[in-house]
Amino acid sequence: MAFLIIDRRKQGKQKSAVNRQRFLKRFRKHIKEAVTDAVNKRSITDMERGEEISIPKKDISEPIFHHGKGGKQRRVLPGNKEFVRGDRIDRPKGGGGGGGGGQASDQGEGMDEFVFELNQQEFLDFMFEDLELPNLVRKQLKDSDSYKMVKGGYLKEGIPARLNVVQSLRGAKARRIALGGAIRREIRALEEELEALGEMASERRREVEYQLERARRRLNNIPFLDDFDLRYNNMIQQPTPTTSAVMFCLMDVSGSMTQDIKDLAKRFFVLLHLFLKRHYEKTEVVFIRHHTKADEVDEQEFFYSRETGGTVVSSALELMKTIVQE
């Protein structure tokens, strides 16, 4: 009886890429050993390509479905008539059990190794996997930004802890000036009219005094601070880089530094910067060249300037300390 197995799991467009990542994760031990051997054999400048990885076929064997013979069978299994405990078994003659790297033979059988290519990105991932910068922690997040709370304006509602007293009093004063402006003008007009009437008692004077007293009460009834005046600090999220690194490149440019040595130093800086880019998205590079004095320069002047002199390393270290403190 034949069976048909259909895989109905959803796969994206990058199906082969997903399967490749699963394969790399499964045989991580073999790949890391191969990458370590490659790093030990390669030159520093030879890191811009991948690596060919070989895995023994016996390590990638998987169980498979197959058809049995079926039916009822009878087997006669004779006992061991040749060996007893403690005997040493001679190595079989020919190429039995050998790999594919030896000479050809008309006897025995073997298995070839499974060979595949690591691209540059995968090679660098395994190369820098266990490395870290001192005093910095790499955060395993998809995005490189975290957030901090900062002030972003004012709100009419909020919690008492975020009450902005200065803005609240400023708004209350503006409200009192706006609401009391017409009343103050009315009071000034009534006072001028009352002064014009003099001390003579009359019906008009009593009416003006009543209106003046009423206007003053209206002015005093304006509240000093109302709920409408309260203002609260608005806190918003501002993205900030979670991890960042500064790479200081210090190089002696005294007379003892030949161009070959400078080229060798440049290769070292390239490798270090490559490592930083793998771990920290935001990386700043500072170039400091020194002889008897130190200067912060750009990359072109750092490697190719013709200025020379004696050798005072402390000047470069002091300048680097100053830049860090700034």
C-alpha atoms as a PDB file:
ATOM      1  CA  MET A   1       0.000   0.000   0.000  1.00  0.00           C
ATOM      2  CA  ALA A   2       1.465   3.346  -1.052  1.00  0.00           C
ATOM      3  CA  PHE A   3       1.311   6.492   1.093  1.00  0.00           C
ATOM      4  CA  LEU A   4       1.457  10.081  -0.169  1.00  0.00           C
ATOM      5  CA  ILE A   5       2.621  12.696   2.364  1.00  0.00           C
ATOM      6  CA  ILE A   6       1.727  16.305   1.528  1.00  0.00           C
ATOM      7  CA  ASP A   7       3.220  19.208   3.491  1.00  0.00           C
ATOM      8  CA  ARG A   8       0.525  21.899   3.659  1.00  0.00           C
ATOM      9  CA  ARG A   9       2.390  24.267   5.984  1.00  0.00           C
ATOM     10  CA  LYS A  10       2.483  27.853   4.766  1.00  0.00           C
ATOM     11  CA  GLN A  11       5.811  28.970   3.372  1.00  0.00           C
ATOM     12  CA  GLY A  12       6.870  32.475   2.449  1.00  0.00           C
ATOM     13  CA  LYS A  13       8.751  33.576  -0.608  1.00  0.00           C
ATOM     14  CA  GLN A  14      12.059  33.013   1.207  1.00  0.00           C
ATOM     15  CA  LYS A  15      11.445  29.327   1.823  1.00  0.00           C
ATOM     16  CA  SER A  16      14.998  28.297   0.970  1.00  0.00           C
ATOM     17  CA  ALA A  17      16.418  31.015   3.263  1.00  0.00           C
ATOM     18  CA  VAL A  18      14.339  29.743   6.193  1.00  0.00           C
ATOM     19  CA  ASN A  19      15.462  26.176   5.585  1.00  0.00           C
ATOM     20  CA  ARG A  20      19.068  27.338   5.374  1.00  0.00           C
ATOM     21  CA  GLN A  21      18.830  29.056   8.754  1.00  0.00           C
ATOM     22  CA  ARG A  22      17.426  25.878  10.264  1.00  0.00           C
ATOM     23  CA  PHE A  23      20.306  23.917   8.794  1.00  0.00           C
ATOM     24  CA  LEU A  24      22.896  26.372  10.187  1.00  0.00           C
ATOM     25  CA  LYS A  25      21.294  26.213  13.609  1.00  0.00           C
ATOM     26  CA  ARG A  26      21.251  22.420  13.631  1.00  0.00           C
ATOM     27  CA  PHE A  27      24.922  21.987  12.684  1.00  0.00           C
ATOM     28  CA  ARG A  28      26.203  25.004  14.593  1.00  0.00           C
ATOM     29  CA  LYS A  29      28.998  23.070  16.291  1.00  0.00           C
ATOM     30  CA  HIS A  30      30.535  21.825  13.043  1.00  0.00           C
ATOM     31  CA  ILE A  31      30.240  25.249  11.401  1.00  0.00           C
ATOM     32  CA  LYS A  32      31.853  27.100  14.319  1.00  0.00           C
ATOM     33  CA  GLU A  33      34.797  24.701  14.299  1.00  0.00           C
ATOM     34  CA  ALA A  34      35.249  25.219  10.558  1.00  0.00           C
ATOM     35  CA  VAL A  35      35.014  29.018  10.897  1.00  0.00           C
ATOM     36  CA  THR A  36      37.581  28.996  13.714  1.00  0.00           C
ATOM     37  CA  ASP A  37      39.995  27.000  11.561  1.00  0.00           C
ATOM     38  CA  ALA A  38      39.439  29.393   8.651  1.00  0.00           C
ATOM     39  CA  VAL A  39      40.120  32.475  10.806  1.00  0.00           C
ATOM     40  CA  ASN A  40      43.372  30.960  12.057  1.00  0.00           C
ATOM     41  CA  LYS A  41      44.518  30.245   8.500  1.00  0.00           C
ATOM     42  CA  ARG A  42      43.391  33.480   6.824  1.00  0.00           C
ATOM     43  CA  SER A  43      45.044  36.850   6.684  1.00  0.00           C
ATOM     44  CA  ILE A  44      43.357  39.839   8.314  1.00  0.00           C
ATOM     45  CA  THR A  45      42.662  41.338   4.904  1.00  0.00           C
ATOM     46  CA  ASP A  46      41.002  38.151   3.684  1.00  0.00           C
ATOM     47  CA  MET A  47      37.705  38.517   5.536  1.00  0.00           C
ATOM     48  CA  GLU A  48      35.534  39.748   2.678  1.00  0.00           C
ATOM     49  CA  ARG A  49      34.381  36.328   1.509  1.00  0.00           C
ATOM     50  CA  GLY A  50      32.620  33.286   2.868  1.00  0.00           C
ATOM     51  CA  GLU A  51      33.966  29.835   3.601  1.00  0.00           C
ATOM     52  CA  GLU A  52      33.507  26.291   2.353  1.00  0.00           C
ATOM     53  CA  ILE A  53      32.241  24.048   5.162  1.00  0.00           C
ATOM     54  CA  SER A  54      32.462  20.247   5.152  1.00  0.00           C
ATOM     55  CA  ILE A  55      30.261  18.081   7.369  1.00  0.00           C
ATOM     56  CA  PRO A  56      30.637  14.287   7.542  1.00  0.00           C
ATOM     57  CA  LYS A  57      27.688  12.600   5.922  1.00  0.00           C
ATOM     58  CA  LYS A  58      27.142  10.375   8.940  1.00  0.00           C
ATOM     59  CA  ASP A  59      26.334  13.489  11.018  1.00  0.00           C
ATOM     60  CA  ILE A  60      23.525  14.625   8.723  1.00  0.00           C
ATOM     61  CA  SER A  61      21.783  11.280   8.347  1.00  0.00           C
ATOM     62  CA  GLU A  62      18.058  11.348   9.036  1.00  0.00           C
ATOM     63  CA  PRO A  63      15.420   8.631   9.429  1.00  0.00           C
ATOM     64  CA  ILE A  64      13.517   7.862   6.238  1.00  0.00           C
ATOM     65  CA  PHE A  65      10.328   6.042   5.316  1.00  0.00           C
ATOM     66  CA  HIS A  66      10.698   2.793   3.395  1.00  0.00           C
ATOM     67  CA  HIS A  67       8.651  -0.288   2.593  1.00  0.00           C
ATOM     68  CA  GLY A  68       9.242  -3.460   4.576  1.00  0.00           C
ATOM     69  CA  LYS A  69       9.162  -6.944   3.117  1.00  0.00           C
ATOM     70  CA  GLY A  70       5.827  -7.652   4.734  1.00  0.00           C
ATOM     71  CA  GLY A  71       4.258 -11.044   5.349  1.00  0.00           C
ATOM     72  CA  LYS A  72       5.464 -13.698   7.746  1.00  0.00           C
ATOM     73  CA  GLN A  73       9.152 -14.518   7.770  1.00  0.00           C
ATOM     74  CA  ARG A  74      11.291 -17.071   9.503  1.00  0.00           C
ATOM     75  CA  ARG A  75      14.956 -16.406  10.199  1.00  0.00           C
ATOM     76  CA  VAL A  76      17.646 -18.658  11.608  1.00  0.00           C
ATOM     77  CA  LEU A  77      20.346 -16.655  13.401  1.00  0.00           C
ATOM     78  CA  PRO A  78      23.381 -18.815  14.152  1.00  0.00           C
ATOM     79  CA  GLY A  79      25.429 -18.098  17.235  1.00  0.00           C
ATOM     80  CA  ASN A  80      28.924 -16.631  17.330  1.00  0.00           C
ATOM     81  CA  LYS A  81      31.452 -19.342  16.489  1.00  0.00           C
ATOM     82  CA  GLU A  82      34.501 -17.169  15.728  1.00  0.00           C
ATOM     83  CA  PHE A  83      35.024 -14.648  18.534  1.00  0.00           C
ATOM     84  CA  VAL A  84      35.009 -14.602  22.314  1.00  0.00           C
ATOM     85  CA  ARG A  85      35.206 -11.699  24.733  1.00  0.00           C
ATOM     86  CA  GLY A  86      38.587  -9.946  24.624  1.00  0.00           C
ATOM     87  CA  ASP A  87      39.488 -10.867  21.033  1.00  0.00           C
ATOM     88  CA  ARG A  88      40.958  -8.158  18.787  1.00  0.00           C
ATOM     89  CA  ILE A  89      39.361  -7.773  15.366  1.00  0.00           C
ATOM     90  CA  ASP A  90      41.746  -7.184  12.490  1.00  0.00           C
ATOM     91  CA  ARG A  91      41.244  -4.132  10.288  1.00  0.00           C
ATOM     92  CA  PRO A  92      39.520  -5.126   7.027  1.00  0.00           C
ATOM     93  CA  LYS A  93      41.684  -5.028   3.947  1.00  0.00           C
ATOM     94  CA  GLY A  94      41.013  -2.579   1.120  1.00  0.00           C
ATOM     95  CA  GLY A  95      38.982   0.645   1.436  1.00  0.00           C
ATOM     96  CA  GLY A  96      36.230  -0.656   3.664  1.00  0.00           C
ATOM     97  CA  GLY A  97      34.674   2.121   5.730  1.00  0.00           C
ATOM     98  CA  GLY A  98      37.047   4.717   4.328  1.00  0.00           C
ATOM     99  CA  GLY A  99      36.115   8.214   3.262  1.00  0.00           C
ATOM    100  CA  GLY A 100      36.240   9.706  -0.169  1.00  0.00           C
ATOM    101  CA  GLY A 101      39.644  11.329   0.315  1.00  0.00           C
ATOM    102  CA  GLY A 102      41.825   8.190  -0.040  1.00  0.00           C
ATOM    103  CA  GLN A 103      42.991   6.258  -3.040  1.00  0.00           C
ATOM    104  CA  ALA A 104      40.600   4.251  -5.153  1.00  0.00           C
ATOM    105  CA  SER A 105      40.064   0.600  -4.280  1.00  0.00           C
ATOM    106  CA  ASP A 106      38.115  -2.276  -5.731  1.00  0.00           C
ATOM    107  CA  GLN A 107      36.953  -3.351  -2.279  1.00  0.00           C
ATOM    108  CA  GLY A 108      34.897  -1.800   0.512  1.00  0.00           C
ATOM    109  CA  GLU A 109      32.658   1.266   0.382  1.00  0.00           C
ATOM    110  CA  GLY A 110      32.631   4.791   1.847  1.00  0.00           C
ATOM    111  CA  MET A 111      30.708   8.053   2.185  1.00  0.00           C
ATOM    112  CA  ASP A 112      31.544  11.496   0.827  1.00  0.00           C
ATOM    113  CA  GLU A 113      31.383  14.551   3.066  1.00  0.00           C
ATOM    114  CA  PHE A 114      28.585  17.104   2.689  1.00  0.00           C
ATOM    115  CA  VAL A 115      30.073  20.403   1.468  1.00  0.00           C
ATOM    116  CA  PHE A 116      28.320  23.789   1.302  1.00  0.00           C
ATOM    117  CA  GLU A 117      29.283  27.468   1.152  1.00  0.00           C
ATOM    118  CA  LEU A 118      28.884  30.090   3.877  1.00  0.00           C
ATOM    119  CA  ASN A 119      28.350  33.574   2.474  1.00  0.00           C
ATOM    120  CA  GLN A 120      30.143  36.615   3.886  1.00  0.00           C
ATOM    121  CA  GLN A 121      27.292  37.629   6.185  1.00  0.00           C
ATOM    122  CA  GLU A 122      26.983  34.171   7.732  1.00  0.00           C
ATOM    123  CA  PHE A 123      30.758  33.822   8.049  1.00  0.00           C
ATOM    124  CA  LEU A 124      31.040  37.107   9.974  1.00  0.00           C
ATOM    125  CA  ASP A 125      28.103  36.151  12.196  1.00  0.00           C
ATOM    126  CA  PHE A 126      29.892  33.007  13.358  1.00  0.00           C
ATOM    127  CA  MET A 127      33.237  34.812  13.531  1.00  0.00           C
ATOM    128  CA  PHE A 128      32.036  37.578  15.886  1.00  0.00           C
ATOM    129  CA  GLU A 129      29.398  35.570  17.728  1.00  0.00           C
ATOM    130  CA  ASP A 130      31.225  35.210  21.057  1.00  0.00           C
ATOM    131  CA  LEU A 131      32.924  38.631  21.076  1.00  0.00           C
ATOM    132  CA  GLU A 132      31.835  41.649  23.133  1.00  0.00           C
ATOM    133  CA  LEU A 133      33.141  45.115  23.881  1.00  0.00           C
ATOM    134  CA  PRO A 134      34.132  45.706  27.526  1.00  0.00           C
ATOM    135  CA  ASN A 135      31.740  47.790  29.638  1.00  0.00           C
ATOM    136  CA  LEU A 136      29.021  47.612  26.967  1.00  0.00           C
ATOM    137  CA  VAL A 137      26.079  45.224  26.767  1.00  0.00           C
ATOM    138  CA  ARG A 138      24.635  44.236  23.420  1.00  0.00           C
ATOM    139  CA  LYS A 139      20.853  44.172  23.527  1.00  0.00           C
ATOM    140  CA  GLN A 140      19.238  41.419  21.530  1.00  0.00           C
ATOM    141  CA  LEU A 141      16.446  43.438  19.955  1.00  0.00           C
ATOM    142  CA  LYS A 142      15.270  43.752  16.412  1.00  0.00           C
ATOM    143  CA  ASP A 143      15.379  47.525  16.508  1.00  0.00           C
ATOM    144  CA  SER A 144      18.303  49.519  17.832  1.00  0.00           C
ATOM    145  CA  ASP A 145      16.269  52.222  19.561  1.00  0.00           C
ATOM    146  CA  SER A 146      14.817  52.495  23.029  1.00  0.00           C
ATOM    147  CA  TYR A 147      12.699  55.347  24.370  1.00  0.00           C
ATOM    148  CA  LYS A 148      12.929  57.842  27.199  1.00  0.00           C
ATOM    149  CA  MET A 149      10.208  60.142  28.532  1.00  0.00           C
ATOM    150  CA  VAL A 150      10.700  63.863  27.859  1.00  0.00           C
ATOM    151  CA  LYS A 151       8.481  66.935  28.196  1.00  0.00           C
ATOM    152  CA  GLY A 152       6.395  67.671  25.133  1.00  0.00           C
ATOM    153  CA  GLY A 153       4.087  70.617  25.804  1.00  0.00           C
ATOM    154  CA  TYR A 154       1.178  70.901  28.244  1.00  0.00           C
ATOM    155  CA  LEU A 155      -2.192  69.258  28.811  1.00  0.00           C
ATOM    156  CA  LYS A 156      -5.387  70.484  30.458  1.00  0.00           C
ATOM    157  CA  GLU A 157      -5.774  67.200  32.315  1.00  0.00           C
ATOM    158  CA  GLY A 158      -3.278  65.055  34.136  1.00  0.00           C
ATOM    159  CA  ILE A 159      -2.087  63.697  37.448  1.00  0.00           C
ATOM    160  CA  PRO A 160      -1.102  66.027  40.322  1.00  0.00           C
ATOM    161  CA  ALA A 161       2.534  64.952  40.108  1.00  0.00           C
ATOM    162  CA  ARG A 162       2.802  66.529  36.635  1.00  0.00           C
ATOM    163  CA  LEU A 163       1.133  69.842  37.542  1.00  0.00           C
ATOM    164  CA  ASN A 164       3.077  72.802  36.149  1.00  0.00           C
ATOM    165  CA  VAL A 165       2.611  75.588  38.713  1.00  0.00           C
ATOM    166  CA  VAL A 166       4.185  78.377  36.656  1.00  0.00           C
ATOM    167  CA  GLN A 167       2.065  77.735  33.568  1.00  0.00           C
ATOM    168  CA  SER A 168      -1.074  77.360  35.699  1.00  0.00           C
ATOM    169  CA  LEU A 169      -0.552  80.723  37.469  1.00  0.00           C
ATOM    170  CA  ARG A 170       0.337  82.398  34.193  1.00  0.00           C
ATOM    171  CA  GLY A 171      -2.883  81.160  32.620  1.00  0.00           C
ATOM    172  CA  ALA A 172      -4.910  82.237  35.674  1.00  0.00           C
ATOM    173  CA  LYS A 173      -3.494  85.755  35.510  1.00  0.00           C
ATOM    174  CA  ALA A 174      -4.279  86.035  31.810  1.00  0.00           C
ATOM    175  CA  ARG A 175      -7.842  84.861  32.465  1.00  0.00           C
ATOM    176  CA  ARG A 176      -8.357  87.418  35.259  1.00  0.00           C
ATOM    177  CA  ILE A 177      -7.053  90.216  33.046  1.00  0.00           C
ATOM    178  CA  ALA A 178      -9.319  89.170  30.174  1.00  0.00           C
ATOM    179  CA  LEU A 179     -12.470  88.774  32.290  1.00  0.00           C
ATOM    180  CA  GLY A 180     -11.895  91.871  34.423  1.00  0.00           C
ATOM    181  CA  GLY A 181     -10.950  94.297  31.653  1.00  0.00           C
ATOM    182  CA  ALA A 182     -14.500  95.428  30.861  1.00  0.00           C
ATOM    183  CA  ILE A 183     -15.396  95.636  34.550  1.00  0.00           C
ATOM    184  CA  ARG A 184     -12.356  97.838  35.298  1.00  0.00           C
ATOM    185  CA  ARG A 185     -13.269 100.181  32.474  1.00  0.00           C
ATOM    186  CA  GLU A 186     -16.792 100.375  33.877  1.00  0.00           C
ATOM    187  CA  ILE A 187     -15.429 101.133  37.365  1.00  0.00           C
ATOM    188  CA  ARG A 188     -13.193 103.931  36.043  1.00  0.00           C
ATOM    189  CA  ALA A 189     -16.125 105.478  34.176  1.00  0.00           C
ATOM    190  CA  LEU A 190     -18.372 105.350  37.281  1.00  0.00           C
ATOM    191  CA  GLU A 191     -15.636 106.844  39.475  1.00  0.00           C
ATOM    192  CA  GLU A 192     -15.165 109.744  37.035  1.00  0.00           C
ATOM    193  CA  GLU A 193     -18.914 110.360  36.946  1.00  0.00           C
ATOM    194  CA  LEU A 194     -19.111 110.182  40.744  1.00  0.00           C
ATOM    195  CA  GLU A 195     -16.290 112.709  41.037  1.00  0.00           C
ATOM    196  CA  ALA A 196     -18.072 115.027  38.615  1.00  0.00           C
ATOM    197  CA  LEU A 197     -21.270 114.921  40.682  1.00  0.00           C
ATOM    198  CA  GLY A 198     -19.345 116.146  43.734  1.00  0.00           C
ATOM    199  CA  GLU A 199     -20.736 116.016  47.258  1.00  0.00           C
ATOM    200  CA  MET A 200     -24.231 117.019  46.243  1.00  0.00           C
ATOM    201  CA  ALA A 201     -26.779 114.416  47.295  1.00  0.00           C
ATOM    202  CA  SER A 202     -29.042 113.354  44.497  1.00  0.00           C
ATOM    203  CA  GLU A 203     -30.826 110.367  43.061  1.00  0.00           C
ATOM    204  CA  ARG A 204     -28.184 109.999  40.320  1.00  0.00           C
ATOM    205  CA  ARG A 205     -25.343 109.933  42.837  1.00  0.00           C
ATOM    206  CA  ARG A 206     -26.979 107.137  44.828  1.00  0.00           C
ATOM    207  CA  GLU A 207     -27.512 105.164  41.609  1.00  0.00           C
ATOM    208  CA  VAL A 208     -23.853 105.613  40.544  1.00  0.00           C
ATOM    209  CA  GLU A 209     -22.619 104.532  43.984  1.00  0.00           C
ATOM    210  CA  TYR A 210     -24.808 101.422  43.796  1.00  0.00           C
ATOM    211  CA  GLN A 211     -23.505 100.528  40.313  1.00  0.00           C
ATOM    212  CA  LEU A 212     -19.910 101.150  41.447  1.00  0.00           C
ATOM    213  CA  GLU A 213     -20.277  98.868  44.463  1.00  0.00           C
ATOM    214  CA  ARG A 214     -21.853  96.194  42.297  1.00  0.00           C
ATOM    215  CA  ALA A 215     -19.015  96.398  39.703  1.00  0.00           C
ATOM    216  CA  ARG A 216     -16.379  96.038  42.427  1.00  0.00           C
ATOM    217  CA  ARG A 217     -18.118  92.924  43.790  1.00  0.00           C
ATOM    218  CA  ARG A 218     -18.196  91.434  40.290  1.00  0.00           C
ATOM    219  CA  LEU A 219     -14.460  92.105  39.948  1.00  0.00           C
ATOM    220  CA  ASN A 220     -13.713  90.500  43.308  1.00  0.00           C
ATOM    221  CA  ASN A 221     -15.826  87.459  42.457  1.00  0.00           C
ATOM    222  CA  ILE A 222     -13.479  86.477  39.630  1.00  0.00           C
ATOM    223  CA  PRO A 223     -11.674  83.395  41.057  1.00  0.00           C
ATOM    224  CA  PHE A 224      -7.912  83.663  41.537  1.00  0.00           C
ATOM    225  CA  LEU A 225      -7.348  80.108  40.225  1.00  0.00           C
ATOM    226  CA  ASP A 226      -9.863  77.983  38.364  1.00  0.00           C
ATOM    227  CA  ASP A 227      -9.763  74.380  37.171  1.00  0.00           C
ATOM    228  CA  PHE A 228      -9.656  75.757  33.650  1.00  0.00           C
ATOM    229  CA  ASP A 229      -6.267  77.359  34.407  1.00  0.00           C
ATOM    230  CA  LEU A 230      -4.472  74.178  35.446  1.00  0.00           C
ATOM    231  CA  ARG A 231      -1.789  72.930  33.087  1.00  0.00           C
ATOM    232  CA  TYR A 232       0.014  69.570  33.290  1.00  0.00           C
ATOM    233  CA  ASN A 233       3.293  68.532  31.722  1.00  0.00           C
ATOM    234  CA  ASN A 234       2.830  66.285  28.707  1.00  0.00           C
ATOM    235  CA  MET A 235       5.376  63.438  28.629  1.00  0.00           C
ATOM    236  CA  ILE A 236       6.183  61.895  25.254  1.00  0.00           C
ATOM    237  CA  GLN A 237       8.495  59.085  24.166  1.00  0.00           C
ATOM    238  CA  GLN A 238      11.694  60.141  22.450  1.00  0.00           C
ATOM    239  CA  PRO A 239      13.756  57.459  20.672  1.00  0.00           C
ATOM    240  CA  THR A 240      17.330  57.112  21.871  1.00  0.00           C
ATOM    241  CA  PRO A 241      20.017  54.668  20.726  1.00  0.00           C
ATOM    242  CA  THR A 242      20.249  51.671  23.027  1.00  0.00           C
ATOM    243  CA  THR A 243      23.908  50.967  22.392  1.00  0.00           C
ATOM    244  CA  SER A 244      26.565  52.990  20.682  1.00  0.00           C
ATOM    245  CA  ALA A 245      30.311  52.761  20.425  1.00  0.00           C
ATOM    246  CA  VAL A 246      33.147  55.166  19.759  1.00  0.00           C
ATOM    247  CA  MET A 247      36.224  53.816  18.032  1.00  0.00           C
ATOM    248  CA  PHE A 248      39.431  55.741  18.765  1.00  0.00           C
ATOM    249  CA  CYS A 249      42.156  55.218  16.171  1.00  0.00           C
ATOM    250  CA  LEU A 250      45.543  56.256  17.573  1.00  0.00           C
ATOM    251  CA  MET A 251      48.668  56.060  15.433  1.00  0.00           C
ATOM    252  CA  ASP A 252      52.248  57.209  15.821  1.00  0.00           C
ATOM    253  CA  VAL A 253      53.462  59.196  12.801  1.00  0.00           C
ATOM    254  CA  SER A 254      57.035  59.689  13.924  1.00  0.00           C
ATOM    255  CA  GLY A 255      59.986  59.016  11.658  1.00  0.00           C
ATOM    256  CA  SER A 256      60.114  55.340  12.640  1.00  0.00           C
ATOM    257  CA  MET A 257      56.670  54.688  11.123  1.00  0.00           C
ATOM    258  CA  THR A 258      57.093  53.576   7.532  1.00  0.00           C
ATOM    259  CA  GLN A 259      54.282  53.433   5.005  1.00  0.00           C
ATOM    260  CA  ASP A 260      54.172  49.646   5.250  1.00  0.00           C
ATOM    261  CA  ILE A 261      53.559  49.847   8.993  1.00  0.00           C
ATOM    262  CA  LYS A 262      50.831  52.439   8.421  1.00  0.00           C
ATOM    263  CA  ASP A 263      49.166  50.132   5.896  1.00  0.00           C
ATOM    264  CA  LEU A 264      49.292  47.310   8.422  1.00  0.00           C
ATOM    265  CA  ALA A 265      47.701  49.579  11.049  1.00  0.00           C
ATOM    266  CA  LYS A 266      44.984  50.501   8.572  1.00  0.00           C
ATOM    267  CA  ARG A 267      44.135  46.835   8.081  1.00  0.00           C
ATOM    268  CA  PHE A 268      43.799  46.390  11.824  1.00  0.00           C
ATOM    269  CA  PHE A 269      41.487  49.398  12.085  1.00  0.00           C
ATOM    270  CA  VAL A 270      39.374  48.027   9.224  1.00  0.00           C
ATOM    271  CA  LEU A 271      38.912  44.734  11.065  1.00  0.00           C
ATOM    272  CA  LEU A 272      38.045  46.488  14.329  1.00  0.00           C
ATOM    273  CA  HIS A 273      35.533  48.753  12.607  1.00  0.00           C
ATOM    274  CA  LEU A 274      34.005  45.730  10.887  1.00  0.00           C
ATOM    275  CA  PHE A 275      33.489  44.140  14.295  1.00  0.00           C
ATOM    276  CA  LEU A 276      31.861  47.288  15.698  1.00  0.00           C
ATOM    277  CA  LYS A 277      29.482  47.529  12.761  1.00  0.00           C
ATOM    278  CA  ARG A 278      28.370  43.958  13.409  1.00  0.00           C
ATOM    279  CA  HIS A 279      27.420  44.729  17.033  1.00  0.00           C
ATOM    280  CA  TYR A 280      26.524  48.419  17.176  1.00  0.00           C
ATOM    281  CA  GLU A 281      24.511  50.225  14.543  1.00  0.00           C
ATOM    282  CA  LYS A 282      25.593  53.713  15.626  1.00  0.00           C
ATOM    283  CA  THR A 283      29.388  53.869  15.595  1.00  0.00           C
ATOM    284  CA  GLU A 284      31.528  56.997  15.599  1.00  0.00           C
ATOM    285  CA  VAL A 285      35.183  56.941  14.576  1.00  0.00           C
ATOM    286  CA  VAL A 286      37.736  59.408  15.974  1.00  0.00           C
ATOM    287  CA  PHE A 287      41.200  59.619  14.390  1.00  0.00           C
ATOM    288  CA  ILE A 288      44.101  60.851  16.540  1.00  0.00           C
ATOM    289  CA  ARG A 289      47.621  61.021  15.111  1.00  0.00           C
ATOM    290  CA  HIS A 290      50.592  61.969  17.254  1.00  0.00           C
ATOM    291  CA  HIS A 291      54.338  62.522  17.272  1.00  0.00           C
ATOM    292  CA  THR A 292      55.495  65.041  19.884  1.00  0.00           C
ATOM    293  CA  LYS A 293      51.948  66.440  19.953  1.00  0.00           C
ATOM    294  CA  ALA A 294      48.556  64.927  19.176  1.00  0.00           C
ATOM    295  CA  ASP A 295      45.862  66.192  16.807  1.00  0.00           C
ATOM    296  CA  GLU A 296      42.367  65.035  15.914  1.00  0.00           C
ATOM    297  CA  VAL A 297      42.225  64.713  12.123  1.00  0.00           C
ATOM    298  CA  ASP A 298      40.117  63.163   9.391  1.00  0.00           C
ATOM    299  CA  GLU A 299      40.763  59.753   7.865  1.00  0.00           C
ATOM    300  CA  GLN A 300      42.663  61.027   4.816  1.00  0.00           C
ATOM    301  CA  GLU A 301      45.120  63.051   6.872  1.00  0.00           C
ATOM    302  CA  PHE A 302      45.351  60.276   9.458  1.00  0.00           C
ATOM    303  CA  PHE A 303      46.822  57.750   7.021  1.00  0.00           C
ATOM    304  CA  TYR A 304      48.517  59.861   4.359  1.00  0.00           C
ATOM    305  CA  SER A 305      49.747  63.082   5.981  1.00  0.00           C
ATOM    306  CA  ARG A 306      53.513  63.696   5.588  1.00  0.00           C
ATOM    307  CA  GLU A 307      53.915  65.462   8.927  1.00  0.00           C
ATOM    308  CA  THR A 308      56.411  63.734  11.229  1.00  0.00           C
ATOM    309  CA  GLY A 309      58.415  64.263  14.413  1.00  0.00           C
ATOM    310  CA  GLY A 310      59.360  62.532  17.650  1.00  0.00           C
ATOM    311  CA  THR A 311      57.301  60.094  19.698  1.00  0.00           C
ATOM    312  CA  VAL A 312      55.242  61.148  22.751  1.00  0.00           C
ATOM    313  CA  VAL A 313      52.407  58.669  23.299  1.00  0.00           C
ATOM    314  CA  SER A 314      51.022  60.469  26.362  1.00  0.00           C
ATOM    315  CA  SER A 315      49.900  63.410  24.223  1.00  0.00           C
ATOM    316  CA  ALA A 316      47.520  61.147  22.266  1.00  0.00           C
ATOM    317  CA  LEU A 317      46.163  59.542  25.429  1.00  0.00           C
ATOM    318  CA  GLU A 318      45.518  62.935  27.030  1.00  0.00           C
ATOM    319  CA  LEU A 319      43.692  64.157  23.918  1.00  0.00           C
ATOM    320  CA  MET A 320      41.578  60.997  23.851  1.00  0.00           C
ATOM    321  CA  LYS A 321      40.681  61.493  27.530  1.00  0.00           C
ATOM    322  CA  THR A 322      39.644  65.077  26.794  1.00  0.00           C
ATOM    323  CA  ILE A 323      37.393  63.974  23.924  1.00  0.00           C
ATOM    324  CA  VAL A 324      35.772  61.285  26.085  1.00  0.00           C
ATOM    325  CA  GLN A 325      35.021  63.787  28.848  1.00  0.00           C
ATOM    326  CA  GLU A 326      33.425  66.163  26.363  1.00  0.00           C
END
